[in-house]
Amino acid sequence: MKEQFEVKMDEMIKEQKELYQKEIIEFQEIGHIFIRGEISSNEFKATSGGMGVYAQKGGKKFMIRLRVLSGVLDIKTLELIGKFAMDYNLPDVHLTTREAIQLHNLNFDDVITIMEKSLNSNLYTRGGGGNYPRNVSLSPLSGVEKGEAFDVTPYAVIVNKYFLSRMDSYKLPRKFKVAFSNNENDTANATIVDLGFLAVNQDGNNLFKVYIGGSLGNQGGISVPFDELVQPEEVLYHVEACIRLLIEEGDYENRGKARMRFIVKRMGQEAFLNCYKKILHRVKQSENLELVLENEHQSSTEVKDCDNLSDQQNLIAQRQSGLYTIIVHSKGGILKREDLNQITSFLQAIPEAQIRLSMEENMYIRNLTLAQAEKLLGLVKHLGQTTMFERSISCIGVPTCQIGIGETQKLLSNILTYFENQGMLENPLPSIHISGCLNSCTRHQVSDIGFCGKKKQVSQQAVEVYTLHIGGMTSEFDTHFAKEYGDLLTNTIPKFLYELALYIKEKRLNFKEYMELYQEEFKSILAVYLV
């Protein structure tokens, strides 16, 4: 039975839906003005981003971001997205690096129709971009992972709903990101966002470590740890306090310095935390935001002794005895329509199955028996993408992204094809994270190997290059940014990675071990490719 607070929030979301319907009508007119060339792409983006819509490069086609709340999908929503792909003749859908789904290459009026149909099915686009709270990220195995502190799913979902219930009231200087991780591995990146919650269990009590004021991009910064453990029922007090801090102290004049990390840089960590605590105290005095939640998304299966099955890289034994999760990864997050439909058809006969999207452009399908998992793995076997290297990720990049610099999807495809031609898809390299610009959509700064696209003068000509980042990570105890090693021409990257993989394989080491033991050799390999 829902608590009174949740009931009130649902009523507010219903009111917001009525407002969104009016906004969609107004947005349609703005879109037509843009198509007629009467306003610039930047003027259009000022409105479209908040609606979850962007013009693609050239301004003739459009993309829409469907805000799958924390990547928690149900079969009806999956069916709806498949129907959109069919109705508008889309060959594929894009699983994003923030647990959402994007549809590309749409006519503008089709975008409007999709927005209306999505809203009727409680699938939102509002706040998908622009200066708004974005989709709340969530560890995709939360609730089923062995060794997790506790299931953080209901808290991520309720924060998403909290944002949706008051989206029209936000006047933020810049976007705002929240994350919930279920254990020390920080798979939702709680330690590098504006507000992060990382689950811990202390003396049998479920608590959150809280992190504030981090984000990536230009002059990125790691979040500041809050110096107290937080009760789960107090989550919304921290959400509201953090939003108010951004509103009160954020830079509304300089967009390039409007994220919360610049408040930390300006104040210093100690003053920043003191400011936050004062605002938090005010919120607790004036608001009633205490949570008592039921987990509508938990597995109903009793937790027993876990299976001793060795996890394959795309088959994971859950903490629930006899149940498994499989990982479906399509290259670059581009899932073909026929594969989406095949997965949907298979899951229609398994009502207890759960679907989660991840920040690595994966689809996690949970609560399967071993027989069901093996059958579904067989159905998607043609996708490949089973090793960590094959599950490398890329933003959508040029030519789709309006602000992108690099053709990231093409680069990822060229890397995988190069290795496939050499018979080396199974190799010691980790997942590669490729961002087309400093917006850092694939979080290259905190990856084992990351690339960031830019233009550079080489031999008196502006060419596409990628800056190499190595050694970043997120975790409860050791979040740090990768080291930059220089720039490589796009067309030399596959060969460089292949040569590196050969050296590591020869020494029978994993990538991290190699980088610790053979730095000088690595630098000599790389030196040939730097520009």
Protein backbone atom coordinates (compact mmCIF):
# COMPACT_ATOMS: atom_id res chain seq x y z
CA MET A 1 0.00 0.00 0.00
CA LYS A 2 1.42 3.38 -1.02
CA GLU A 3 2.31 5.91 1.66
CA GLN A 4 0.49 9.25 1.66
CA PHE A 5 3.59 11.04 0.35
CA GLU A 6 3.78 8.78 -2.71
CA VAL A 7 0.07 9.19 -3.37
CA LYS A 8 0.47 12.96 -3.30
CA MET A 9 3.44 12.75 -5.64
CA ASP A 10 1.47 10.62 -8.11
CA GLU A 11 -1.28 13.26 -8.05
CA MET A 12 1.29 15.97 -8.78
CA ILE A 13 2.70 13.95 -11.69
CA LYS A 14 -0.82 13.60 -13.07
CA GLU A 15 -1.19 17.39 -12.94
CA GLN A 16 2.19 17.75 -14.62
CA LYS A 17 1.06 15.44 -17.43
CA GLU A 18 -1.78 17.83 -18.21
CA LEU A 19 0.73 20.67 -18.32
CA TYR A 20 3.09 18.64 -20.55
CA GLN A 21 0.27 18.06 -23.03
CA LYS A 22 -0.13 21.82 -23.40
CA GLU A 23 3.64 22.27 -23.66
CA ILE A 24 3.81 19.74 -26.48
CA ILE A 25 1.30 21.79 -28.51
CA GLU A 26 3.35 24.96 -27.92
CA PHE A 27 6.58 23.11 -28.73
CA GLN A 28 5.16 21.91 -32.04
CA GLU A 29 4.71 25.52 -33.17
CA ILE A 30 8.28 26.40 -32.12
CA GLY A 31 9.53 23.41 -34.12
CA HIS A 32 7.70 24.59 -37.22
CA ILE A 33 9.21 28.06 -36.80
CA PHE A 34 12.67 26.43 -36.64
CA ILE A 35 12.02 24.29 -39.72
CA ARG A 36 10.99 27.42 -41.64
CA GLY A 37 14.36 28.92 -40.73
CA GLU A 38 12.94 31.75 -38.63
CA ILE A 39 15.00 30.89 -35.53
CA SER A 40 18.51 29.47 -35.14
CA SER A 41 19.40 25.98 -33.98
CA ASN A 42 20.60 27.42 -30.65
CA GLU A 43 17.29 29.26 -30.17
CA PHE A 44 15.41 26.04 -30.93
CA LYS A 45 17.65 24.05 -28.58
CA ALA A 46 16.86 26.45 -25.72
CA THR A 47 13.33 25.02 -25.76
CA SER A 48 13.80 21.59 -27.30
CA GLY A 49 16.39 20.31 -24.80
CA GLY A 50 13.96 20.58 -21.91
CA MET A 51 11.44 18.62 -23.96
CA GLY A 52 13.96 15.82 -24.55
CA VAL A 53 14.29 16.61 -28.26
CA TYR A 54 17.30 17.72 -30.31
CA ALA A 55 17.78 18.67 -33.93
CA GLN A 56 20.41 16.49 -35.56
CA LYS A 57 23.28 17.94 -37.58
CA GLY A 58 21.82 19.82 -40.53
CA GLY A 59 18.54 20.57 -38.78
CA LYS A 60 16.34 18.41 -41.03
CA LYS A 61 15.98 15.34 -38.81
CA PHE A 62 15.42 15.06 -35.08
CA MET A 63 16.09 12.75 -32.15
CA ILE A 64 13.97 12.17 -29.07
CA ARG A 65 15.17 10.91 -25.68
CA LEU A 66 12.68 8.67 -23.90
CA ARG A 67 13.24 9.04 -20.18
CA VAL A 68 13.18 5.44 -18.93
CA LEU A 69 13.19 6.10 -15.19
CA SER A 70 16.57 4.85 -13.90
CA GLY A 71 16.61 2.32 -16.75
CA VAL A 72 13.77 0.33 -15.15
CA LEU A 73 11.79 -1.02 -18.11
CA ASP A 74 8.66 -3.13 -18.28
CA ILE A 75 7.49 -5.27 -21.17
CA LYS A 76 4.68 -2.87 -22.17
CA THR A 77 7.13 0.00 -22.55
CA LEU A 78 9.47 -2.23 -24.54
CA GLU A 79 6.57 -3.13 -26.83
CA LEU A 80 5.69 0.55 -27.26
CA ILE A 81 9.25 1.46 -28.23
CA GLY A 82 9.30 -1.40 -30.71
CA LYS A 83 6.04 -0.11 -32.18
CA PHE A 84 7.54 3.37 -32.59
CA ALA A 85 10.46 1.84 -34.48
CA MET A 86 8.04 -0.06 -36.73
CA ASP A 87 5.60 2.82 -37.30
CA TYR A 88 8.30 5.33 -38.24
CA ASN A 89 10.48 2.89 -40.17
CA LEU A 90 13.43 3.18 -37.80
CA PRO A 91 16.03 0.45 -38.36
CA ASP A 92 17.23 0.65 -34.75
CA VAL A 93 16.96 2.31 -31.35
CA HIS A 94 19.81 3.71 -29.27
CA LEU A 95 20.42 2.52 -25.69
CA THR A 96 22.17 5.51 -24.13
CA THR A 97 24.92 6.00 -21.57
CA ARG A 98 22.38 7.34 -19.04
CA GLU A 99 19.93 4.44 -19.04
CA ALA A 100 17.50 6.00 -21.52
CA ILE A 101 16.43 5.17 -25.08
CA GLN A 102 16.82 7.53 -28.03
CA LEU A 103 15.10 7.42 -31.40
CA HIS A 104 16.96 9.08 -34.26
CA ASN A 105 16.33 10.38 -37.79
CA LEU A 106 12.73 11.39 -37.20
CA ASN A 107 10.61 14.02 -38.93
CA PHE A 108 9.56 16.71 -36.50
CA ASP A 109 5.82 16.02 -36.59
CA ASP A 110 6.56 12.36 -35.89
CA VAL A 111 8.52 13.49 -32.83
CA ILE A 112 5.42 15.30 -31.59
CA THR A 113 3.24 12.22 -32.10
CA ILE A 114 5.74 10.04 -30.23
CA MET A 115 5.81 12.53 -27.34
CA GLU A 116 2.03 12.43 -27.07
CA LYS A 117 1.80 8.65 -27.27
CA SER A 118 4.64 8.23 -24.79
CA LEU A 119 3.00 10.56 -22.31
CA ASN A 120 -0.24 8.57 -22.51
CA SER A 121 1.80 5.49 -21.53
CA ASN A 122 3.64 7.25 -18.67
CA LEU A 123 6.88 7.40 -20.65
CA TYR A 124 8.30 10.90 -20.36
CA THR A 125 10.60 13.06 -22.43
CA ARG A 126 10.34 16.21 -20.27
CA GLY A 127 13.65 17.12 -18.68
CA GLY A 128 15.49 14.73 -20.98
CA GLY A 129 17.88 17.57 -21.80
CA GLY A 130 18.33 21.24 -20.99
CA ASN A 131 18.81 22.83 -17.57
CA TYR A 132 16.79 20.25 -15.67
CA PRO A 133 17.30 17.25 -13.39
CA ARG A 134 18.27 14.40 -15.70
CA ASN A 135 17.49 10.70 -15.52
CA VAL A 136 18.60 9.29 -12.15
CA SER A 137 21.20 6.59 -12.75
CA LEU A 138 20.94 3.23 -10.96
CA SER A 139 23.14 0.15 -10.64
CA PRO A 140 21.52 -2.26 -13.13
CA LEU A 141 21.97 -5.30 -10.86
CA SER A 142 20.48 -3.60 -7.80
CA GLY A 143 18.21 -6.10 -6.07
CA VAL A 144 19.80 -9.21 -7.56
CA GLU A 145 23.56 -8.75 -7.19
CA LYS A 146 25.58 -10.95 -4.87
CA GLY A 147 27.25 -8.90 -2.16
CA GLU A 148 25.25 -5.71 -2.62
CA ALA A 149 24.62 -3.59 0.48
CA PHE A 150 20.89 -3.36 -0.26
CA ASP A 151 18.50 -2.75 -3.15
CA VAL A 152 18.51 0.97 -3.97
CA THR A 153 15.96 0.73 -6.81
CA PRO A 154 12.97 2.24 -4.95
CA TYR A 155 15.02 5.28 -3.94
CA ALA A 156 16.24 5.98 -7.48
CA VAL A 157 12.72 5.63 -8.86
CA ILE A 158 11.14 7.88 -6.21
CA VAL A 159 13.74 10.61 -6.86
CA ASN A 160 12.90 10.42 -10.56
CA LYS A 161 9.22 10.79 -9.70
CA TYR A 162 10.02 13.68 -7.36
CA PHE A 163 11.66 15.51 -10.26
CA LEU A 164 8.78 14.74 -12.64
CA SER A 165 6.23 15.98 -10.11
CA ARG A 166 7.71 19.49 -10.16
CA MET A 167 9.69 19.71 -13.42
CA ASP A 168 7.98 22.92 -14.50
CA SER A 169 9.11 24.71 -11.32
CA TYR A 170 12.85 24.25 -11.87
CA LYS A 171 14.88 27.25 -13.05
CA LEU A 172 18.38 25.82 -12.81
CA PRO A 173 21.58 27.35 -14.21
CA ARG A 174 22.56 23.99 -15.70
CA LYS A 175 21.65 20.29 -15.70
CA PHE A 176 21.60 18.30 -12.47
CA LYS A 177 22.46 14.61 -12.13
CA VAL A 178 21.73 12.13 -9.34
CA ALA A 179 23.00 8.55 -9.02
CA PHE A 180 22.30 5.51 -6.80
CA SER A 181 24.89 2.72 -6.50
CA ASN A 182 24.16 -0.51 -4.66
CA ASN A 183 27.69 -1.30 -3.45
CA GLU A 184 31.32 -0.21 -3.35
CA ASN A 185 31.83 -0.80 -7.08
CA ASP A 186 29.83 2.38 -7.82
CA THR A 187 28.37 1.15 -11.09
CA ALA A 188 25.99 4.14 -11.25
CA ASN A 189 28.87 6.63 -10.80
CA ALA A 190 27.63 8.15 -7.53
CA THR A 191 31.09 9.56 -6.80
CA ILE A 192 31.27 11.80 -9.90
CA VAL A 193 27.83 13.44 -10.13
CA ASP A 194 26.07 16.44 -8.61
CA LEU A 195 24.50 14.22 -5.95
CA GLY A 196 25.37 10.57 -5.44
CA PHE A 197 24.11 7.94 -3.00
CA LEU A 198 26.21 4.81 -2.42
CA ALA A 199 24.66 2.01 -0.37
CA VAL A 200 26.53 0.63 2.64
CA ASN A 201 25.53 -1.77 5.39
CA GLN A 202 26.90 -0.89 8.80
CA ASP A 203 26.18 -3.20 11.72
CA GLY A 204 23.13 -4.54 9.91
CA ASN A 205 21.75 -1.07 9.11
CA ASN A 206 21.11 0.12 5.55
CA LEU A 207 22.69 3.55 5.07
CA PHE A 208 23.91 5.81 2.28
CA LYS A 209 27.25 7.47 1.78
CA VAL A 210 26.48 10.77 0.06
CA TYR A 211 28.67 12.55 -2.49
CA ILE A 212 28.09 16.12 -3.69
CA GLY A 213 29.29 18.47 -6.40
CA GLY A 214 31.06 16.25 -8.92
CA SER A 215 30.71 15.98 -12.71
CA LEU A 216 32.74 15.38 -15.84
CA GLY A 217 33.26 17.60 -18.87
CA ASN A 218 35.70 20.50 -19.08
CA GLN A 219 37.49 21.00 -15.74
CA GLY A 220 35.69 17.98 -14.31
CA GLY A 221 35.72 17.28 -10.60
CA ILE A 222 35.22 14.30 -8.28
CA SER A 223 32.35 14.64 -5.80
CA VAL A 224 32.92 15.84 -2.24
CA PRO A 225 32.04 13.15 0.36
CA PHE A 226 29.41 14.22 2.90
CA ASP A 227 30.85 13.57 6.36
CA GLU A 228 27.85 11.69 7.79
CA LEU A 229 26.09 8.49 6.81
CA VAL A 230 22.50 9.13 5.78
CA GLN A 231 19.34 7.18 6.59
CA PRO A 232 17.56 6.04 3.39
CA GLU A 233 14.33 7.74 4.44
CA GLU A 234 16.17 11.10 4.34
CA VAL A 235 17.14 10.87 0.66
CA LEU A 236 14.70 13.55 -0.57
CA TYR A 237 15.92 16.07 1.99
CA HIS A 238 19.36 15.82 0.39
CA VAL A 239 17.93 15.99 -3.12
CA GLU A 240 16.02 19.17 -2.32
CA ALA A 241 18.97 20.72 -0.46
CA CYS A 242 21.33 20.05 -3.35
CA ILE A 243 18.89 21.54 -5.88
CA ARG A 244 18.52 24.65 -3.71
CA LEU A 245 22.29 24.99 -3.38
CA LEU A 246 22.63 24.94 -7.17
CA ILE A 247 19.87 27.55 -7.53
CA GLU A 248 21.29 29.84 -4.84
CA GLU A 249 24.99 29.57 -5.68
CA GLY A 250 25.09 28.52 -9.35
CA ASP A 251 26.33 30.78 -12.17
CA TYR A 252 23.41 31.91 -14.34
CA GLU A 253 25.63 34.17 -16.49
CA ASN A 254 28.37 31.82 -17.68
CA ARG A 255 26.96 28.53 -18.98
CA GLY A 256 30.46 27.06 -19.17
CA LYS A 257 30.83 27.40 -15.39
CA ALA A 258 27.25 26.72 -14.31
CA ARG A 259 27.59 23.13 -13.07
CA MET A 260 27.85 22.48 -9.34
CA ARG A 261 31.52 21.48 -9.56
CA PHE A 262 32.38 25.14 -10.18
CA ILE A 263 30.69 26.11 -6.91
CA VAL A 264 33.02 23.64 -5.16
CA LYS A 265 36.03 25.14 -6.97
CA ARG A 266 34.97 28.68 -6.05
CA MET A 267 34.20 28.02 -2.37
CA GLY A 268 36.62 25.24 -1.54
CA GLN A 269 35.44 21.89 -0.15
CA GLU A 270 35.09 22.90 3.50
CA ALA A 271 33.05 26.05 2.82
CA PHE A 272 31.00 24.16 0.23
CA LEU A 273 30.05 21.46 2.75
CA ASN A 274 29.21 24.06 5.39
CA CYS A 275 26.96 25.87 2.91
CA TYR A 276 25.30 22.59 2.00
CA LYS A 277 24.67 21.71 5.66
CA LYS A 278 23.01 25.07 6.29
CA ILE A 279 20.66 24.58 3.34
CA LEU A 280 19.98 20.98 4.39
CA HIS A 281 19.02 22.19 7.87
CA ARG A 282 16.61 24.72 6.36
CA VAL A 283 15.00 22.05 4.19
CA LYS A 284 14.53 19.72 7.15
CA GLN A 285 12.94 22.53 9.13
CA SER A 286 10.52 23.58 6.39
CA GLU A 287 9.64 20.41 4.43
CA ASN A 288 8.19 16.98 5.18
CA LEU A 289 10.06 14.71 2.76
CA GLU A 290 10.66 11.60 4.86
CA LEU A 291 10.28 8.39 2.87
CA VAL A 292 8.70 5.07 3.76
CA LEU A 293 8.86 2.96 0.63
CA GLU A 294 7.71 -0.42 -0.57
CA ASN A 295 9.89 -1.95 -3.27
CA GLU A 296 7.58 -2.58 -6.22
CA HIS A 297 10.54 -3.72 -8.32
CA GLN A 298 12.07 -6.41 -6.10
CA SER A 299 12.35 -10.06 -7.03
CA SER A 300 9.61 -12.07 -5.37
CA THR A 301 11.83 -15.13 -5.16
CA GLU A 302 13.18 -16.13 -1.75
CA VAL A 303 16.90 -15.55 -1.35
CA LYS A 304 18.74 -18.79 -0.57
CA ASP A 305 22.29 -20.04 -0.89
CA CYS A 306 23.72 -18.72 -4.14
CA ASP A 307 24.63 -20.94 -7.05
CA ASN A 308 28.24 -21.88 -7.53
CA LEU A 309 28.00 -21.38 -11.29
CA SER A 310 31.00 -19.44 -12.54
CA ASP A 311 29.75 -16.21 -14.05
CA GLN A 312 30.29 -15.88 -17.76
CA GLN A 313 30.84 -12.34 -18.96
CA ASN A 314 27.25 -12.08 -20.16
CA LEU A 315 25.56 -14.58 -17.80
CA ILE A 316 25.39 -13.67 -14.11
CA ALA A 317 24.11 -15.85 -11.28
CA GLN A 318 21.86 -13.74 -9.06
CA ARG A 319 21.78 -13.78 -5.27
CA GLN A 320 18.35 -15.41 -5.66
CA SER A 321 18.95 -19.15 -5.93
CA GLY A 322 18.31 -20.57 -9.38
CA LEU A 323 17.90 -17.20 -11.12
CA TYR A 324 20.16 -15.49 -13.62
CA THR A 325 20.71 -12.20 -15.41
CA ILE A 326 21.98 -11.96 -18.97
CA ILE A 327 23.62 -8.93 -20.56
CA VAL A 328 22.61 -7.97 -24.09
CA HIS A 329 25.03 -5.54 -25.69
CA SER A 330 24.62 -4.21 -29.20
CA LYS A 331 27.56 -2.42 -30.80
CA GLY A 332 27.59 1.25 -29.81
CA GLY A 333 24.22 0.84 -28.09
CA ILE A 334 22.51 0.59 -31.49
CA LEU A 335 19.93 -2.19 -31.11
CA LYS A 336 18.34 -3.23 -34.38
CA ARG A 337 14.56 -3.24 -34.54
CA GLU A 338 14.34 -6.94 -35.32
CA ASP A 339 16.53 -7.79 -32.31
CA LEU A 340 14.41 -5.58 -30.06
CA ASN A 341 11.27 -7.31 -31.30
CA GLN A 342 12.80 -10.76 -30.80
CA ILE A 343 13.75 -9.95 -27.20
CA THR A 344 10.30 -8.50 -26.54
CA SER A 345 8.54 -11.56 -27.96
CA PHE A 346 10.66 -13.89 -25.85
CA LEU A 347 9.96 -11.97 -22.63
CA GLN A 348 6.20 -11.82 -23.16
CA ALA A 349 6.00 -15.40 -21.88
CA ILE A 350 8.06 -14.63 -18.73
CA PRO A 351 6.09 -12.10 -16.64
CA GLU A 352 8.53 -12.33 -13.72
CA ALA A 353 11.47 -11.20 -15.88
CA GLN A 354 12.82 -7.70 -15.26
CA ILE A 355 14.59 -5.38 -17.68
CA ARG A 356 17.22 -2.81 -16.75
CA LEU A 357 19.27 -0.47 -18.93
CA SER A 358 22.84 0.34 -17.91
CA MET A 359 25.25 3.23 -18.39
CA GLU A 360 27.34 0.94 -20.60
CA GLU A 361 24.58 0.81 -23.27
CA ASN A 362 23.60 -2.68 -22.09
CA MET A 363 20.23 -4.28 -21.52
CA TYR A 364 20.19 -6.47 -18.40
CA ILE A 365 17.43 -9.10 -18.41
CA ARG A 366 16.92 -10.45 -14.90
CA ASN A 367 15.10 -13.19 -13.01
CA LEU A 368 15.55 -15.87 -15.67
CA THR A 369 15.95 -19.57 -15.01
CA LEU A 370 19.14 -21.07 -16.39
CA ALA A 371 17.20 -22.66 -19.25
CA GLN A 372 15.52 -19.34 -20.11
CA ALA A 373 18.82 -17.48 -19.90
CA GLU A 374 20.60 -19.93 -22.19
CA LYS A 375 17.75 -19.83 -24.70
CA LEU A 376 17.75 -16.03 -24.82
CA LEU A 377 21.53 -15.96 -25.11
CA GLY A 378 21.15 -18.22 -28.12
CA LEU A 379 18.64 -15.82 -29.69
CA VAL A 380 21.02 -12.86 -29.39
CA LYS A 381 24.22 -14.80 -30.06
CA HIS A 382 24.60 -13.15 -33.47
CA LEU A 383 25.19 -9.81 -31.73
CA GLY A 384 28.50 -11.11 -30.37
CA GLN A 385 29.63 -8.47 -27.88
CA THR A 386 30.33 -10.96 -25.09
CA THR A 387 33.87 -9.96 -23.99
CA MET A 388 34.58 -6.76 -22.09
CA PHE A 389 36.50 -5.46 -25.11
CA GLU A 390 33.55 -6.15 -27.42
CA ARG A 391 31.33 -4.32 -24.96
CA SER A 392 33.19 -1.08 -25.59
CA ILE A 393 30.91 1.95 -25.72
CA SER A 394 30.51 5.03 -27.86
CA CYS A 395 28.35 8.14 -27.81
CA ILE A 396 26.18 8.65 -30.91
CA GLY A 397 28.66 11.16 -32.35
CA VAL A 398 28.82 12.76 -35.81
CA PRO A 399 26.82 12.86 -38.07
CA THR A 400 23.85 12.54 -35.68
CA CYS A 401 24.96 14.71 -32.75
CA GLN A 402 24.68 18.43 -33.36
CA ILE A 403 27.66 19.36 -31.19
CA GLY A 404 29.79 16.26 -31.73
CA ILE A 405 33.28 16.47 -33.21
CA GLY A 406 34.24 12.84 -33.74
CA GLU A 407 32.56 10.06 -35.73
CA THR A 408 32.59 7.85 -32.67
CA GLN A 409 30.29 5.08 -33.88
CA LYS A 410 32.46 4.68 -36.98
CA LEU A 411 35.63 4.58 -34.88
CA LEU A 412 34.19 1.91 -32.57
CA SER A 413 33.11 -0.17 -35.55
CA ASN A 414 36.56 0.18 -37.15
CA ILE A 415 38.28 -0.92 -33.93
CA LEU A 416 36.12 -4.03 -33.55
CA THR A 417 36.40 -4.90 -37.26
CA TYR A 418 40.19 -4.56 -37.14
CA PHE A 419 40.43 -6.96 -34.21
CA GLU A 420 37.93 -9.36 -35.77
CA ASN A 421 39.98 -9.49 -38.98
CA GLN A 422 43.03 -10.35 -36.88
CA GLY A 423 41.14 -13.05 -34.97
CA MET A 424 41.68 -11.14 -31.71
CA LEU A 425 38.24 -10.22 -30.37
CA GLU A 426 39.14 -12.20 -27.25
CA ASN A 427 42.04 -10.20 -25.86
CA PRO A 428 43.24 -8.64 -22.59
CA LEU A 429 41.97 -5.13 -23.33
CA PRO A 430 39.13 -3.73 -21.21
CA SER A 431 36.06 -1.93 -22.49
CA ILE A 432 37.01 1.19 -24.49
CA HIS A 433 34.98 4.37 -23.84
CA ILE A 434 34.76 6.75 -26.81
CA SER A 435 33.36 10.28 -26.45
CA GLY A 436 33.08 12.55 -29.48
CA CYS A 437 33.75 15.74 -27.52
CA LEU A 438 34.38 17.15 -24.04
CA ASN A 439 30.75 16.53 -23.05
CA SER A 440 32.03 13.15 -21.85
CA CYS A 441 28.90 11.12 -22.63
CA THR A 442 30.81 7.85 -22.23
CA ARG A 443 32.69 9.03 -19.10
CA HIS A 444 36.08 8.50 -20.74
CA GLN A 445 37.82 10.27 -17.82
CA VAL A 446 36.93 7.45 -15.41
CA SER A 447 37.44 4.49 -17.75
CA ASP A 448 40.34 2.07 -18.08
CA ILE A 449 40.87 3.25 -21.65
CA GLY A 450 39.05 6.31 -22.96
CA PHE A 451 39.19 8.49 -26.05
CA CYS A 452 37.87 12.04 -26.44
CA GLY A 453 37.44 13.54 -29.91
CA LYS A 454 38.58 16.99 -31.00
CA LYS A 455 40.03 18.87 -33.97
CA LYS A 456 43.77 19.58 -34.09
CA GLN A 457 46.17 21.25 -36.49
CA VAL A 458 48.44 18.56 -37.91
CA SER A 459 50.72 19.50 -40.82
CA GLN A 460 48.83 22.80 -41.16
CA GLN A 461 45.50 21.03 -41.54
CA ALA A 462 42.63 20.67 -39.05
CA VAL A 463 42.10 16.93 -38.58
CA GLU A 464 40.06 14.71 -36.27
CA VAL A 465 42.10 13.29 -33.41
CA TYR A 466 41.32 11.62 -30.10
CA THR A 467 42.99 12.28 -26.76
CA LEU A 468 43.91 9.01 -25.02
CA HIS A 469 42.91 8.65 -21.35
CA ILE A 470 44.10 5.67 -19.28
CA GLY A 471 43.58 4.49 -15.72
CA GLY A 472 40.38 6.14 -14.49
CA MET A 473 37.82 4.48 -12.23
CA THR A 474 34.90 5.00 -9.87
CA SER A 475 34.50 3.18 -6.57
CA GLU A 476 33.62 3.84 -2.94
CA PHE A 477 37.28 3.99 -1.96
CA ASP A 478 39.27 5.12 -5.00
CA THR A 479 37.52 7.28 -7.58
CA HIS A 480 40.09 9.05 -9.73
CA PHE A 481 40.42 10.51 -13.21
CA ALA A 482 42.45 8.88 -15.93
CA LYS A 483 45.80 10.24 -17.05
CA GLU A 484 45.97 11.91 -20.46
CA TYR A 485 48.66 10.50 -22.74
CA GLY A 486 48.32 12.61 -25.90
CA ASP A 487 46.49 12.67 -29.23
CA LEU A 488 46.17 10.02 -31.94
CA LEU A 489 44.85 10.32 -35.48
CA THR A 490 41.51 8.56 -35.76
CA ASN A 491 42.60 6.09 -38.42
CA THR A 492 45.61 4.90 -36.39
CA ILE A 493 43.70 4.00 -33.22
CA PRO A 494 42.66 0.43 -34.21
CA LYS A 495 46.26 -0.50 -35.07
CA PHE A 496 47.59 1.06 -31.86
CA LEU A 497 45.12 -0.86 -29.70
CA TYR A 498 45.87 -4.09 -31.55
CA GLU A 499 49.62 -3.69 -31.07
CA LEU A 500 49.07 -2.93 -27.38
CA ALA A 501 46.87 -6.02 -26.99
CA LEU A 502 49.59 -8.22 -28.53
CA TYR A 503 52.21 -7.00 -26.05
CA ILE A 504 49.89 -7.57 -23.09
CA LYS A 505 48.80 -11.01 -24.31
CA GLU A 506 52.40 -12.09 -24.79
CA LYS A 507 53.11 -11.34 -21.13
CA ARG A 508 49.94 -13.13 -19.94
CA LEU A 509 48.80 -10.16 -17.90
CA ASN A 510 45.58 -8.22 -17.67
CA PHE A 511 45.54 -4.58 -18.76
CA LYS A 512 45.93 -3.02 -15.31
CA GLU A 513 48.80 -5.34 -14.40
CA TYR A 514 50.58 -4.46 -17.63
CA MET A 515 50.19 -0.71 -17.07
CA GLU A 516 51.62 -1.04 -13.55
CA LEU A 517 54.64 -3.11 -14.62
CA TYR A 518 55.48 -1.90 -18.12
CA GLN A 519 54.88 1.86 -18.26
CA GLU A 520 58.02 2.57 -20.28
CA GLU A 521 57.24 -0.10 -22.84
CA PHE A 522 53.71 1.26 -23.14
CA LYS A 523 55.03 4.78 -23.75
CA SER A 524 57.38 3.54 -26.46
CA ILE A 525 54.51 1.74 -28.24
CA LEU A 526 52.34 4.84 -28.00
CA ALA A 527 55.05 7.29 -29.11
CA VAL A 528 54.86 6.04 -32.69
CA TYR A 529 51.20 7.05 -32.93
CA LEU A 530 51.14 10.42 -31.14
CA VAL A 531 50.61 13.63 -33.15
